[in-house]
Amino acid sequence: MKKQITSALLAGVLSLVPVAGMAAAQKPAAAKTPTAKASVATHATRGTVKSLDDSTLVITSTGKTHTDMTFTVNGSTQREGTIATGTPVSVRYHQDGTTNIATAIHAESAKKKSGSK
């Protein structure tokens, strides 16, 4: 009797293995459909433009540490306002490995000092 129960249990478990394998194999194919979007984490930061050329933007962050951040700029990077050295900007970006890819750069107006009209 024990042998029959063990055989039935083993047959039941083995019958589920192909089903689980097919379900796992179908997930990547579903992710390749045109309507599915890959989730990419985006970040945002602010700083002052230190340098800018056709493919690179370097800003000095306005945080406590004033560190420099370098971004890759490409044809799909959205630009708003006049972006030049010394301009305060906000940058939206995502990371590709260790490279920061700018998705949008927005030139911010200089903050007015209190007391000036």
C-alpha atoms as a PDB file:
ATOM      1  CA  MET A   1       0.000   0.000   0.000  1.00  0.00           C
ATOM      2  CA  LYS A   2       2.846   2.369   0.864  1.00  0.00           C
ATOM      3  CA  LYS A   3       4.456   1.641  -2.485  1.00  0.00           C
ATOM      4  CA  GLN A   4       1.234   2.491  -4.358  1.00  0.00           C
ATOM      5  CA  ILE A   5       0.813   5.825  -2.499  1.00  0.00           C
ATOM      6  CA  THR A   6       4.434   6.760  -3.155  1.00  0.00           C
ATOM      7  CA  SER A   7       4.089   5.876  -6.840  1.00  0.00           C
ATOM      8  CA  ALA A   8       0.866   7.892  -7.162  1.00  0.00           C
ATOM      9  CA  LEU A   9       2.435  10.896  -5.400  1.00  0.00           C
ATOM     10  CA  LEU A  10       5.554  10.737  -7.575  1.00  0.00           C
ATOM     11  CA  ALA A  11       3.468  10.497 -10.756  1.00  0.00           C
ATOM     12  CA  GLY A  12       1.416  13.531  -9.657  1.00  0.00           C
ATOM     13  CA  VAL A  13       4.503  15.646  -8.961  1.00  0.00           C
ATOM     14  CA  LEU A  14       6.168  14.650 -12.248  1.00  0.00           C
ATOM     15  CA  SER A  15       3.025  15.564 -14.180  1.00  0.00           C
ATOM     16  CA  LEU A  16       3.253  19.159 -12.859  1.00  0.00           C
ATOM     17  CA  VAL A  17       6.871  19.730 -13.977  1.00  0.00           C
ATOM     18  CA  PRO A  18       6.075  20.264 -17.696  1.00  0.00           C
ATOM     19  CA  VAL A  19       3.236  22.680 -16.806  1.00  0.00           C
ATOM     20  CA  ALA A  20       5.531  24.797 -14.620  1.00  0.00           C
ATOM     21  CA  GLY A  21       8.209  24.772 -17.311  1.00  0.00           C
ATOM     22  CA  MET A  22       5.770  25.955 -19.985  1.00  0.00           C
ATOM     23  CA  ALA A  23       4.471  28.776 -17.788  1.00  0.00           C
ATOM     24  CA  ALA A  24       8.016  30.016 -17.158  1.00  0.00           C
ATOM     25  CA  ALA A  25       8.892  29.787 -20.852  1.00  0.00           C
ATOM     26  CA  GLN A  26       5.851  31.867 -21.849  1.00  0.00           C
ATOM     27  CA  LYS A  27       6.596  34.876 -19.616  1.00  0.00           C
ATOM     28  CA  PRO A  28       9.586  36.238 -21.608  1.00  0.00           C
ATOM     29  CA  ALA A  29       7.622  35.924 -24.850  1.00  0.00           C
ATOM     30  CA  ALA A  30       4.809  38.004 -23.347  1.00  0.00           C
ATOM     31  CA  ALA A  31       7.306  40.690 -22.282  1.00  0.00           C
ATOM     32  CA  LYS A  32       8.411  41.129 -25.911  1.00  0.00           C
ATOM     33  CA  THR A  33       5.005  42.308 -27.072  1.00  0.00           C
ATOM     34  CA  PRO A  34       4.928  45.912 -28.355  1.00  0.00           C
ATOM     35  CA  THR A  35       2.453  46.991 -25.682  1.00  0.00           C
ATOM     36  CA  ALA A  36       4.656  45.856 -22.779  1.00  0.00           C
ATOM     37  CA  LYS A  37       7.107  48.476 -21.486  1.00  0.00           C
ATOM     38  CA  ALA A  38      10.307  47.720 -19.650  1.00  0.00           C
ATOM     39  CA  SER A  39      10.410  49.366 -16.255  1.00  0.00           C
ATOM     40  CA  VAL A  40      13.386  51.695 -15.939  1.00  0.00           C
ATOM     41  CA  ALA A  41      13.987  53.526 -12.678  1.00  0.00           C
ATOM     42  CA  THR A  42      14.244  57.275 -13.207  1.00  0.00           C
ATOM     43  CA  HIS A  43      15.946  59.780 -10.962  1.00  0.00           C
ATOM     44  CA  ALA A  44      16.011  63.560 -10.665  1.00  0.00           C
ATOM     45  CA  THR A  45      18.589  66.036  -9.418  1.00  0.00           C
ATOM     46  CA  ARG A  46      19.333  69.756  -9.481  1.00  0.00           C
ATOM     47  CA  GLY A  47      22.515  71.667  -9.920  1.00  0.00           C
ATOM     48  CA  THR A  48      24.420  74.327 -11.840  1.00  0.00           C
ATOM     49  CA  VAL A  49      25.815  73.588 -15.309  1.00  0.00           C
ATOM     50  CA  LYS A  50      29.584  73.235 -15.109  1.00  0.00           C
ATOM     51  CA  SER A  51      30.060  72.213 -18.750  1.00  0.00           C
ATOM     52  CA  LEU A  52      27.931  71.188 -21.723  1.00  0.00           C
ATOM     53  CA  ASP A  53      28.665  69.841 -25.204  1.00  0.00           C
ATOM     54  CA  ASP A  54      26.743  67.799 -27.797  1.00  0.00           C
ATOM     55  CA  SER A  55      26.984  64.532 -25.854  1.00  0.00           C
ATOM     56  CA  THR A  56      27.812  65.390 -22.230  1.00  0.00           C
ATOM     57  CA  LEU A  57      26.395  67.543 -19.437  1.00  0.00           C
ATOM     58  CA  VAL A  58      28.292  68.100 -16.175  1.00  0.00           C
ATOM     59  CA  ILE A  59      26.533  69.768 -13.252  1.00  0.00           C
ATOM     60  CA  THR A  60      27.605  70.655  -9.743  1.00  0.00           C
ATOM     61  CA  SER A  61      24.842  69.522  -7.401  1.00  0.00           C
ATOM     62  CA  THR A  62      23.231  72.055  -5.113  1.00  0.00           C
ATOM     63  CA  GLY A  63      23.179  69.661  -2.159  1.00  0.00           C
ATOM     64  CA  LYS A  64      25.396  69.837   0.922  1.00  0.00           C
ATOM     65  CA  THR A  65      28.362  68.114  -0.751  1.00  0.00           C
ATOM     66  CA  HIS A  66      28.441  70.062  -4.079  1.00  0.00           C
ATOM     67  CA  THR A  67      29.561  67.035  -6.074  1.00  0.00           C
ATOM     68  CA  ASP A  68      29.847  66.932  -9.865  1.00  0.00           C
ATOM     69  CA  MET A  69      27.552  64.638 -11.827  1.00  0.00           C
ATOM     70  CA  THR A  70      28.083  63.715 -15.481  1.00  0.00           C
ATOM     71  CA  PHE A  71      25.218  62.831 -17.835  1.00  0.00           C
ATOM     72  CA  THR A  72      25.143  61.493 -21.370  1.00  0.00           C
ATOM     73  CA  VAL A  73      22.988  63.697 -23.615  1.00  0.00           C
ATOM     74  CA  ASN A  74      21.515  62.322 -26.860  1.00  0.00           C
ATOM     75  CA  GLY A  75      18.917  63.171 -29.487  1.00  0.00           C
ATOM     76  CA  SER A  76      16.045  61.940 -27.341  1.00  0.00           C
ATOM     77  CA  THR A  77      16.994  64.154 -24.369  1.00  0.00           C
ATOM     78  CA  GLN A  78      14.276  66.777 -23.894  1.00  0.00           C
ATOM     79  CA  ARG A  79      15.655  70.288 -23.351  1.00  0.00           C
ATOM     80  CA  GLU A  80      13.652  73.177 -21.974  1.00  0.00           C
ATOM     81  CA  GLY A  81      14.987  76.714 -21.681  1.00  0.00           C
ATOM     82  CA  THR A  82      18.426  78.140 -22.367  1.00  0.00           C
ATOM     83  CA  ILE A  83      20.992  75.722 -20.989  1.00  0.00           C
ATOM     84  CA  ALA A  84      24.490  77.188 -20.669  1.00  0.00           C
ATOM     85  CA  THR A  85      27.418  77.179 -18.244  1.00  0.00           C
ATOM     86  CA  GLY A  86      26.320  78.652 -14.910  1.00  0.00           C
ATOM     87  CA  THR A  87      22.606  77.998 -15.485  1.00  0.00           C
ATOM     88  CA  PRO A  88      20.710  76.286 -12.650  1.00  0.00           C
ATOM     89  CA  VAL A  89      19.026  73.160 -14.060  1.00  0.00           C
ATOM     90  CA  SER A  90      16.963  70.190 -13.012  1.00  0.00           C
ATOM     91  CA  VAL A  91      17.825  66.898 -14.705  1.00  0.00           C
ATOM     92  CA  ARG A  92      15.751  63.736 -15.028  1.00  0.00           C
ATOM     93  CA  TYR A  93      17.842  60.680 -15.858  1.00  0.00           C
ATOM     94  CA  HIS A  94      18.123  56.912 -15.719  1.00  0.00           C
ATOM     95  CA  GLN A  95      21.153  54.742 -15.195  1.00  0.00           C
ATOM     96  CA  ASP A  96      22.586  52.344 -17.747  1.00  0.00           C
ATOM     97  CA  GLY A  97      25.194  50.473 -15.743  1.00  0.00           C
ATOM     98  CA  THR A  98      27.380  53.242 -14.311  1.00  0.00           C
ATOM     99  CA  THR A  99      26.364  55.812 -16.950  1.00  0.00           C
ATOM    100  CA  ASN A 100      23.738  58.475 -16.209  1.00  0.00           C
ATOM    101  CA  ILE A 101      21.555  59.057 -19.300  1.00  0.00           C
ATOM    102  CA  ALA A 102      19.744  62.422 -19.246  1.00  0.00           C
ATOM    103  CA  THR A 103      16.115  62.123 -20.376  1.00  0.00           C
ATOM    104  CA  ALA A 104      15.144  65.756 -19.690  1.00  0.00           C
ATOM    105  CA  ILE A 105      16.996  68.960 -18.805  1.00  0.00           C
ATOM    106  CA  HIS A 106      15.067  71.989 -17.590  1.00  0.00           C
ATOM    107  CA  ALA A 107      16.739  75.374 -17.177  1.00  0.00           C
ATOM    108  CA  GLU A 108      15.437  77.028 -14.027  1.00  0.00           C
ATOM    109  CA  SER A 109      15.137  80.740 -13.497  1.00  0.00           C
ATOM    110  CA  ALA A 110      17.699  82.219 -11.122  1.00  0.00           C
ATOM    111  CA  LYS A 111      16.304  82.643  -7.624  1.00  0.00           C
ATOM    112  CA  LYS A 112      15.643  86.249  -6.683  1.00  0.00           C
ATOM    113  CA  LYS A 113      17.320  87.483  -3.528  1.00  0.00           C
ATOM    114  CA  SER A 114      14.962  88.509  -0.777  1.00  0.00           C
ATOM    115  CA  GLY A 115      14.480  92.252  -0.560  1.00  0.00           C
ATOM    116  CA  SER A 116      14.984  92.908  -4.297  1.00  0.00           C
ATOM    117  CA  LYS A 117      12.115  94.094  -6.429  1.00  0.00           C
END
